Amino acid sequence: LVEERIPVGDMLRSVQSLSGPLLTEVRVFDVYAGSPVPAGQKSVAFGFTFQGEKTLTDEVVDAEVGRVLSRLEDEFGVRVRS
């Protein structure tokens, strides 16, 4: 969840700047505002593609997702919708 005033393109560019050897693609696949999302906020869903030279473990991918989430939290005040 993020404030409605935050441009999704800014969020996308920020995450794309994190691309590294594992995070190879970032895309927005849904933006939603309305019930049950709180007023003044929107839900933004991202899709990620990870690739490695060897089979990636859950721990490695979770760490990469955590890195992306930390960036979004710091820059845009994002919080994971539960």
PDB file of N, CA and C in Angstrom:
ATOM      1  N   LEU A   1       0.841  -1.181   0.000  1.00  0.00           N
ATOM      2  CA  LEU A   1       0.000   0.000   0.000  1.00  0.00           C
ATOM      3  C   LEU A   1       0.881   1.238   0.000  1.00  0.00           C
ATOM      4  N   VAL A   2       0.405   2.241  -0.713  1.00  0.00           N
ATOM      5  CA  VAL A   2       1.137   3.499  -0.808  1.00  0.00           C
ATOM      6  C   VAL A   2       0.121   4.624  -0.984  1.00  0.00           C
ATOM      7  N   GLU A   3       0.515   5.832  -0.623  1.00  0.00           N
ATOM      8  CA  GLU A   3      -0.380   6.970  -0.810  1.00  0.00           C
ATOM      9  C   GLU A   3      -0.723   7.124  -2.291  1.00  0.00           C
ATOM     10  N   GLU A   4      -1.979   7.485  -2.579  1.00  0.00           N
ATOM     11  CA  GLU A   4      -2.432   7.626  -3.968  1.00  0.00           C
ATOM     12  C   GLU A   4      -1.607   8.629  -4.762  1.00  0.00           C
ATOM     13  N   ARG A   5      -1.070   9.643  -4.110  1.00  0.00           N
ATOM     14  CA  ARG A   5      -0.334  10.703  -4.809  1.00  0.00           C
ATOM     15  C   ARG A   5       1.025  10.249  -5.330  1.00  0.00           C
ATOM     16  N   ILE A   6       1.519   9.119  -4.876  1.00  0.00           N
ATOM     17  CA  ILE A   6       2.837   8.623  -5.288  1.00  0.00           C
ATOM     18  C   ILE A   6       2.725   8.020  -6.695  1.00  0.00           C
ATOM     19  N   PRO A   7       3.492   8.517  -7.668  1.00  0.00           N
ATOM     20  CA  PRO A   7       3.440   7.945  -9.020  1.00  0.00           C
ATOM     21  C   PRO A   7       4.027   6.524  -9.063  1.00  0.00           C
ATOM     22  N   VAL A   8       3.276   5.622  -9.662  1.00  0.00           N
ATOM     23  CA  VAL A   8       3.730   4.239  -9.784  1.00  0.00           C
ATOM     24  C   VAL A   8       5.009   4.178 -10.616  1.00  0.00           C
ATOM     25  N   GLY A   9       5.128   5.028 -11.627  1.00  0.00           N
ATOM     26  CA  GLY A   9       6.340   5.050 -12.456  1.00  0.00           C
ATOM     27  C   GLY A   9       7.586   5.356 -11.648  1.00  0.00           C
ATOM     28  N   ASP A  10       7.465   6.236 -10.650  1.00  0.00           N
ATOM     29  CA  ASP A  10       8.608   6.541  -9.787  1.00  0.00           C
ATOM     30  C   ASP A  10       9.020   5.304  -8.989  1.00  0.00           C
ATOM     31  N   MET A  11       8.018   4.587  -8.500  1.00  0.00           N
ATOM     32  CA  MET A  11       8.303   3.362  -7.739  1.00  0.00           C
ATOM     33  C   MET A  11       8.978   2.329  -8.637  1.00  0.00           C
ATOM     34  N   LEU A  12       8.453   2.164  -9.829  1.00  0.00           N
ATOM     35  CA  LEU A  12       9.006   1.189 -10.769  1.00  0.00           C
ATOM     36  C   LEU A  12      10.456   1.526 -11.111  1.00  0.00           C
ATOM     37  N   ARG A  13      10.730   2.778 -11.415  1.00  0.00           N
ATOM     38  CA  ARG A  13      12.115   3.178 -11.741  1.00  0.00           C
ATOM     39  C   ARG A  13      13.052   2.943 -10.564  1.00  0.00           C
ATOM     40  N   SER A  14      12.579   3.193  -9.359  1.00  0.00           N
ATOM     41  CA  SER A  14      13.412   2.977  -8.178  1.00  0.00           C
ATOM     42  C   SER A  14      13.796   1.507  -8.042  1.00  0.00           C
ATOM     43  N   VAL A  15      12.813   0.629  -8.219  1.00  0.00           N
ATOM     44  CA  VAL A  15      13.101  -0.807  -8.117  1.00  0.00           C
ATOM     45  C   VAL A  15      14.002  -1.258  -9.271  1.00  0.00           C
ATOM     46  N   GLN A  16      13.741  -0.754 -10.463  1.00  0.00           N
ATOM     47  CA  GLN A  16      14.580  -1.130 -11.607  1.00  0.00           C
ATOM     48  C   GLN A  16      16.037  -0.738 -11.390  1.00  0.00           C
ATOM     49  N   SER A  17      16.270   0.327 -10.649  1.00  0.00           N
ATOM     50  CA  SER A  17      17.649   0.740 -10.384  1.00  0.00           C
ATOM     51  C   SER A  17      18.376  -0.243  -9.473  1.00  0.00           C
ATOM     52  N   LEU A  18      17.626  -1.124  -8.815  1.00  0.00           N
ATOM     53  CA  LEU A  18      18.222  -2.154  -7.960  1.00  0.00           C
ATOM     54  C   LEU A  18      18.639  -3.390  -8.746  1.00  0.00           C
ATOM     55  N   SER A  19      18.287  -3.444 -10.019  1.00  0.00           N
ATOM     56  CA  SER A  19      18.583  -4.638 -10.805  1.00  0.00           C
ATOM     57  C   SER A  19      20.038  -5.034 -10.633  1.00  0.00           C
ATOM     58  N   GLY A  20      20.222  -6.298 -10.489  1.00  0.00           N
ATOM     59  CA  GLY A  20      21.567  -6.821 -10.307  1.00  0.00           C
ATOM     60  C   GLY A  20      21.658  -8.174 -10.970  1.00  0.00           C
ATOM     61  N   PRO A  21      22.554  -9.001 -10.490  1.00  0.00           N
ATOM     62  CA  PRO A  21      22.745 -10.298 -11.134  1.00  0.00           C
ATOM     63  C   PRO A  21      21.545 -11.236 -10.983  1.00  0.00           C
ATOM     64  N   LEU A  22      20.698 -11.018  -9.985  1.00  0.00           N
ATOM     65  CA  LEU A  22      19.558 -11.911  -9.786  1.00  0.00           C
ATOM     66  C   LEU A  22      18.227 -11.310 -10.230  1.00  0.00           C
ATOM     67  N   LEU A  23      18.000 -10.031  -9.930  1.00  0.00           N
ATOM     68  CA  LEU A  23      16.754  -9.363 -10.301  1.00  0.00           C
ATOM     69  C   LEU A  23      16.888  -8.863 -11.735  1.00  0.00           C
ATOM     70  N   THR A  24      16.243  -9.573 -12.662  1.00  0.00           N
ATOM     71  CA  THR A  24      16.427  -9.255 -14.076  1.00  0.00           C
ATOM     72  C   THR A  24      15.256  -8.525 -14.704  1.00  0.00           C
ATOM     73  N   GLU A  25      14.079  -8.573 -14.079  1.00  0.00           N
ATOM     74  CA  GLU A  25      12.913  -7.874 -14.632  1.00  0.00           C
ATOM     75  C   GLU A  25      11.965  -7.473 -13.514  1.00  0.00           C
ATOM     76  N   VAL A  26      11.403  -6.273 -13.648  1.00  0.00           N
ATOM     77  CA  VAL A  26      10.404  -5.759 -12.713  1.00  0.00           C
ATOM     78  C   VAL A  26       9.242  -5.226 -13.540  1.00  0.00           C
ATOM     79  N   ARG A  27       8.030  -5.562 -13.157  1.00  0.00           N
ATOM     80  CA  ARG A  27       6.853  -5.058 -13.856  1.00  0.00           C
ATOM     81  C   ARG A  27       5.728  -4.804 -12.860  1.00  0.00           C
ATOM     82  N   VAL A  28       4.875  -3.861 -13.180  1.00  0.00           N
ATOM     83  CA  VAL A  28       3.671  -3.598 -12.395  1.00  0.00           C
ATOM     84  C   VAL A  28       2.553  -4.382 -13.063  1.00  0.00           C
ATOM     85  N   PHE A  29       1.851  -5.211 -12.282  1.00  0.00           N
ATOM     86  CA  PHE A  29       0.762  -5.964 -12.901  1.00  0.00           C
ATOM     87  C   PHE A  29      -0.611  -5.600 -12.361  1.00  0.00           C
ATOM     88  N   ASP A  30      -0.675  -4.738 -11.336  1.00  0.00           N
ATOM     89  CA  ASP A  30      -1.982  -4.309 -10.851  1.00  0.00           C
ATOM     90  C   ASP A  30      -1.839  -3.060 -10.004  1.00  0.00           C
ATOM     91  N   VAL A  31      -2.767  -2.136 -10.190  1.00  0.00           N
ATOM     92  CA  VAL A  31      -2.896  -0.964  -9.328  1.00  0.00           C
ATOM     93  C   VAL A  31      -4.377  -0.863  -8.996  1.00  0.00           C
ATOM     94  N   TYR A  32      -4.684  -0.783  -7.699  1.00  0.00           N
ATOM     95  CA  TYR A  32      -6.080  -0.785  -7.278  1.00  0.00           C
ATOM     96  C   TYR A  32      -6.302   0.217  -6.150  1.00  0.00           C
ATOM     97  N   ALA A  33      -7.390   0.961  -6.256  1.00  0.00           N
ATOM     98  CA  ALA A  33      -7.842   1.846  -5.175  1.00  0.00           C
ATOM     99  C   ALA A  33      -9.328   1.592  -4.994  1.00  0.00           C
ATOM    100  N   GLY A  34      -9.771   1.546  -3.788  1.00  0.00           N
ATOM    101  CA  GLY A  34     -11.168   1.250  -3.478  1.00  0.00           C
ATOM    102  C   GLY A  34     -11.234   0.242  -2.358  1.00  0.00           C
ATOM    103  N   SER A  35     -12.415  -0.056  -1.922  1.00  0.00           N
ATOM    104  CA  SER A  35     -12.598  -0.989  -0.807  1.00  0.00           C
ATOM    105  C   SER A  35     -11.973  -2.336  -1.151  1.00  0.00           C
ATOM    106  N   PRO A  36     -11.214  -2.931  -0.290  1.00  0.00           N
ATOM    107  CA  PRO A  36     -10.936  -2.639   1.113  1.00  0.00           C
ATOM    108  C   PRO A  36      -9.674  -1.810   1.350  1.00  0.00           C
ATOM    109  N   VAL A  37      -9.093  -1.252   0.305  1.00  0.00           N
ATOM    110  CA  VAL A  37      -7.901  -0.404   0.462  1.00  0.00           C
ATOM    111  C   VAL A  37      -8.327   0.890   1.163  1.00  0.00           C
ATOM    112  N   PRO A  38      -7.584   1.307   2.196  1.00  0.00           N
ATOM    113  CA  PRO A  38      -7.949   2.535   2.915  1.00  0.00           C
ATOM    114  C   PRO A  38      -8.007   3.762   1.999  1.00  0.00           C
ATOM    115  N   ALA A  39      -8.899   4.679   2.314  1.00  0.00           N
ATOM    116  CA  ALA A  39      -9.044   5.919   1.538  1.00  0.00           C
ATOM    117  C   ALA A  39      -7.711   6.656   1.483  1.00  0.00           C
ATOM    118  N   GLY A  40      -7.406   7.213   0.317  1.00  0.00           N
ATOM    119  CA  GLY A  40      -6.172   7.967   0.138  1.00  0.00           C
ATOM    120  C   GLY A  40      -4.972   7.100  -0.198  1.00  0.00           C
ATOM    121  N   GLN A  41      -5.189   5.787  -0.300  1.00  0.00           N
ATOM    122  CA  GLN A  41      -4.095   4.873  -0.634  1.00  0.00           C
ATOM    123  C   GLN A  41      -4.467   4.034  -1.838  1.00  0.00           C
ATOM    124  N   LYS A  42      -3.453   3.393  -2.421  1.00  0.00           N
ATOM    125  CA  LYS A  42      -3.667   2.447  -3.507  1.00  0.00           C
ATOM    126  C   LYS A  42      -2.792   1.230  -3.270  1.00  0.00           C
ATOM    127  N   SER A  43      -3.215   0.144  -3.847  1.00  0.00           N
ATOM    128  CA  SER A  43      -2.456  -1.095  -3.779  1.00  0.00           C
ATOM    129  C   SER A  43      -1.734  -1.250  -5.107  1.00  0.00           C
ATOM    130  N   VAL A  44      -0.427  -1.461  -5.047  1.00  0.00           N
ATOM    131  CA  VAL A  44       0.380  -1.642  -6.250  1.00  0.00           C
ATOM    132  C   VAL A  44       1.041  -3.013  -6.150  1.00  0.00           C
ATOM    133  N   ALA A  45       0.822  -3.843  -7.175  1.00  0.00           N
ATOM    134  CA  ALA A  45       1.406  -5.187  -7.185  1.00  0.00           C
ATOM    135  C   ALA A  45       2.503  -5.254  -8.243  1.00  0.00           C
ATOM    136  N   PHE A  46       3.659  -5.723  -7.825  1.00  0.00           N
ATOM    137  CA  PHE A  46       4.805  -5.869  -8.713  1.00  0.00           C
ATOM    138  C   PHE A  46       5.057  -7.343  -8.986  1.00  0.00           C
ATOM    139  N   GLY A  47       5.561  -7.614 -10.171  1.00  0.00           N
ATOM    140  CA  GLY A  47       6.052  -8.937 -10.511  1.00  0.00           C
ATOM    141  C   GLY A  47       7.545  -8.849 -10.749  1.00  0.00           C
ATOM    142  N   PHE A  48       8.251  -9.871 -10.337  1.00  0.00           N
ATOM    143  CA  PHE A  48       9.706  -9.896 -10.469  1.00  0.00           C
ATOM    144  C   PHE A  48      10.142 -11.154 -11.189  1.00  0.00           C
ATOM    145  N   THR A  49      11.210 -11.045 -11.951  1.00  0.00           N
ATOM    146  CA  THR A  49      11.862 -12.218 -12.530  1.00  0.00           C
ATOM    147  C   THR A  49      13.276 -12.262 -11.972  1.00  0.00           C
ATOM    148  N   PHE A  50      13.617 -13.408 -11.406  1.00  0.00           N
ATOM    149  CA  PHE A  50      14.955 -13.640 -10.864  1.00  0.00           C
ATOM    150  C   PHE A  50      15.612 -14.751 -11.666  1.00  0.00           C
ATOM    151  N   GLN A  51      16.883 -14.555 -11.971  1.00  0.00           N
ATOM    152  CA  GLN A  51      17.652 -15.581 -12.666  1.00  0.00           C
ATOM    153  C   GLN A  51      19.042 -15.643 -12.058  1.00  0.00           C
ATOM    154  N   GLY A  52      19.548 -16.842 -11.955  1.00  0.00           N
ATOM    155  CA  GLY A  52      20.892 -17.024 -11.431  1.00  0.00           C
ATOM    156  C   GLY A  52      21.636 -18.059 -12.237  1.00  0.00           C
ATOM    157  N   GLU A  53      22.904 -18.150 -11.979  1.00  0.00           N
ATOM    158  CA  GLU A  53      23.731 -19.136 -12.671  1.00  0.00           C
ATOM    159  C   GLU A  53      23.473 -20.537 -12.146  1.00  0.00           C
ATOM    160  N   LYS A  54      22.884 -20.614 -10.940  1.00  0.00           N
ATOM    161  CA  LYS A  54      22.515 -21.908 -10.361  1.00  0.00           C
ATOM    162  C   LYS A  54      21.090 -21.777  -9.826  1.00  0.00           C
ATOM    163  N   THR A  55      20.519 -22.868  -9.416  1.00  0.00           N
ATOM    164  CA  THR A  55      19.155 -22.869  -8.893  1.00  0.00           C
ATOM    165  C   THR A  55      19.075 -21.952  -7.675  1.00  0.00           C
ATOM    166  N   LEU A  56      18.102 -21.055  -7.688  1.00  0.00           N
ATOM    167  CA  LEU A  56      17.940 -20.101  -6.588  1.00  0.00           C
ATOM    168  C   LEU A  56      17.131 -20.736  -5.459  1.00  0.00           C
ATOM    169  N   THR A  57      17.562 -20.505  -4.247  1.00  0.00           N
ATOM    170  CA  THR A  57      16.845 -21.011  -3.083  1.00  0.00           C
ATOM    171  C   THR A  57      15.811 -19.977  -2.628  1.00  0.00           C
ATOM    172  N   ASP A  58      14.853 -20.426  -1.832  1.00  0.00           N
ATOM    173  CA  ASP A  58      13.863 -19.509  -1.265  1.00  0.00           C
ATOM    174  C   ASP A  58      14.545 -18.407  -0.469  1.00  0.00           C
ATOM    175  N   GLU A  59      15.585 -18.750   0.255  1.00  0.00           N
ATOM    176  CA  GLU A  59      16.281 -17.772   1.086  1.00  0.00           C
ATOM    177  C   GLU A  59      16.905 -16.661   0.252  1.00  0.00           C
ATOM    178  N   VAL A  60      17.492 -17.019  -0.872  1.00  0.00           N
ATOM    179  CA  VAL A  60      18.132 -16.030  -1.748  1.00  0.00           C
ATOM    180  C   VAL A  60      17.080 -15.105  -2.352  1.00  0.00           C
ATOM    181  N   VAL A  61      15.987 -15.680  -2.839  1.00  0.00           N
ATOM    182  CA  VAL A  61      14.923 -14.869  -3.435  1.00  0.00           C
ATOM    183  C   VAL A  61      14.258 -13.999  -2.376  1.00  0.00           C
ATOM    184  N   ASP A  62      13.997 -14.562  -1.204  1.00  0.00           N
ATOM    185  CA  ASP A  62      13.403 -13.770  -0.117  1.00  0.00           C
ATOM    186  C   ASP A  62      14.278 -12.579   0.250  1.00  0.00           C
ATOM    187  N   ALA A  63      15.601 -12.768   0.242  1.00  0.00           N
ATOM    188  CA  ALA A  63      16.516 -11.668   0.549  1.00  0.00           C
ATOM    189  C   ALA A  63      16.423 -10.581  -0.521  1.00  0.00           C
ATOM    190  N   GLU A  64      16.307 -10.967  -1.784  1.00  0.00           N
ATOM    191  CA  GLU A  64      16.172  -9.993  -2.867  1.00  0.00           C
ATOM    192  C   GLU A  64      14.848  -9.232  -2.748  1.00  0.00           C
ATOM    193  N   VAL A  65      13.773  -9.938  -2.462  1.00  0.00           N
ATOM    194  CA  VAL A  65      12.470  -9.284  -2.283  1.00  0.00           C
ATOM    195  C   VAL A  65      12.543  -8.333  -1.085  1.00  0.00           C
ATOM    196  N   GLY A  66      13.210  -8.734  -0.024  1.00  0.00           N
ATOM    197  CA  GLY A  66      13.392  -7.871   1.135  1.00  0.00           C
ATOM    198  C   GLY A  66      14.158  -6.603   0.789  1.00  0.00           C
ATOM    199  N   ARG A  67      15.151  -6.728  -0.081  1.00  0.00           N
ATOM    200  CA  ARG A  67      15.933  -5.569  -0.530  1.00  0.00           C
ATOM    201  C   ARG A  67      15.039  -4.591  -1.298  1.00  0.00           C
ATOM    202  N   VAL A  68      14.168  -5.126  -2.158  1.00  0.00           N
ATOM    203  CA  VAL A  68      13.231  -4.290  -2.915  1.00  0.00           C
ATOM    204  C   VAL A  68      12.252  -3.616  -1.966  1.00  0.00           C
ATOM    205  N   LEU A  69      11.698  -4.376  -1.048  1.00  0.00           N
ATOM    206  CA  LEU A  69      10.731  -3.828  -0.095  1.00  0.00           C
ATOM    207  C   LEU A  69      11.356  -2.733   0.758  1.00  0.00           C
ATOM    208  N   SER A  70      12.577  -2.936   1.197  1.00  0.00           N
ATOM    209  CA  SER A  70      13.268  -1.911   1.990  1.00  0.00           C
ATOM    210  C   SER A  70      13.407  -0.612   1.217  1.00  0.00           C
ATOM    211  N   ARG A  71      13.753  -0.706  -0.066  1.00  0.00           N
ATOM    212  CA  ARG A  71      13.885   0.482  -0.904  1.00  0.00           C
ATOM    213  C   ARG A  71      12.543   1.204  -0.994  1.00  0.00           C
ATOM    214  N   LEU A  72      11.460   0.453  -1.253  1.00  0.00           N
ATOM    215  CA  LEU A  72      10.134   1.061  -1.387  1.00  0.00           C
ATOM    216  C   LEU A  72       9.641   1.665  -0.075  1.00  0.00           C
ATOM    217  N   GLU A  73       9.932   1.012   1.021  1.00  0.00           N
ATOM    218  CA  GLU A  73       9.556   1.550   2.337  1.00  0.00           C
ATOM    219  C   GLU A  73      10.289   2.857   2.600  1.00  0.00           C
ATOM    220  N   ASP A  74      11.592   2.869   2.346  1.00  0.00           N
ATOM    221  CA  ASP A  74      12.416   4.050   2.620  1.00  0.00           C
ATOM    222  C   ASP A  74      12.044   5.237   1.739  1.00  0.00           C
ATOM    223  N   GLU A  75      11.851   4.993   0.461  1.00  0.00           N
ATOM    224  CA  GLU A  75      11.614   6.089  -0.479  1.00  0.00           C
ATOM    225  C   GLU A  75      10.169   6.560  -0.550  1.00  0.00           C
ATOM    226  N   PHE A  76       9.226   5.626  -0.373  1.00  0.00           N
ATOM    227  CA  PHE A  76       7.834   5.969  -0.652  1.00  0.00           C
ATOM    228  C   PHE A  76       6.867   5.674   0.496  1.00  0.00           C
ATOM    229  N   GLY A  77       7.365   5.128   1.594  1.00  0.00           N
ATOM    230  CA  GLY A  77       6.484   4.822   2.721  1.00  0.00           C
ATOM    231  C   GLY A  77       5.561   3.648   2.457  1.00  0.00           C
ATOM    232  N   VAL A  78       5.958   2.771   1.571  1.00  0.00           N
ATOM    233  CA  VAL A  78       5.157   1.592   1.219  1.00  0.00           C
ATOM    234  C   VAL A  78       5.047   0.664   2.422  1.00  0.00           C
ATOM    235  N   ARG A  79       3.907   0.001   2.527  1.00  0.00           N
ATOM    236  CA  ARG A  79       3.778  -1.095   3.505  1.00  0.00           C
ATOM    237  C   ARG A  79       3.053  -2.245   2.839  1.00  0.00           C
ATOM    238  N   VAL A  80       3.418  -3.450   3.226  1.00  0.00           N
ATOM    239  CA  VAL A  80       2.838  -4.648   2.634  1.00  0.00           C
ATOM    240  C   VAL A  80       1.398  -4.784   3.114  1.00  0.00           C
ATOM    241  N   ARG A  81       0.525  -5.025   2.170  1.00  0.00           N
ATOM    242  CA  ARG A  81      -0.905  -5.197   2.479  1.00  0.00           C
ATOM    243  C   ARG A  81      -1.130  -6.571   3.071  1.00  0.00           C
ATOM    244  N   SER A  82      -1.869  -6.611   4.166  1.00  0.00           N
ATOM    245  CA  SER A  82      -2.146  -7.924   4.784  1.00  0.00           C
ATOM    246  C   SER A  82      -3.609  -8.247   4.749  1.00  0.00           C
TER     247      SER A  82
END
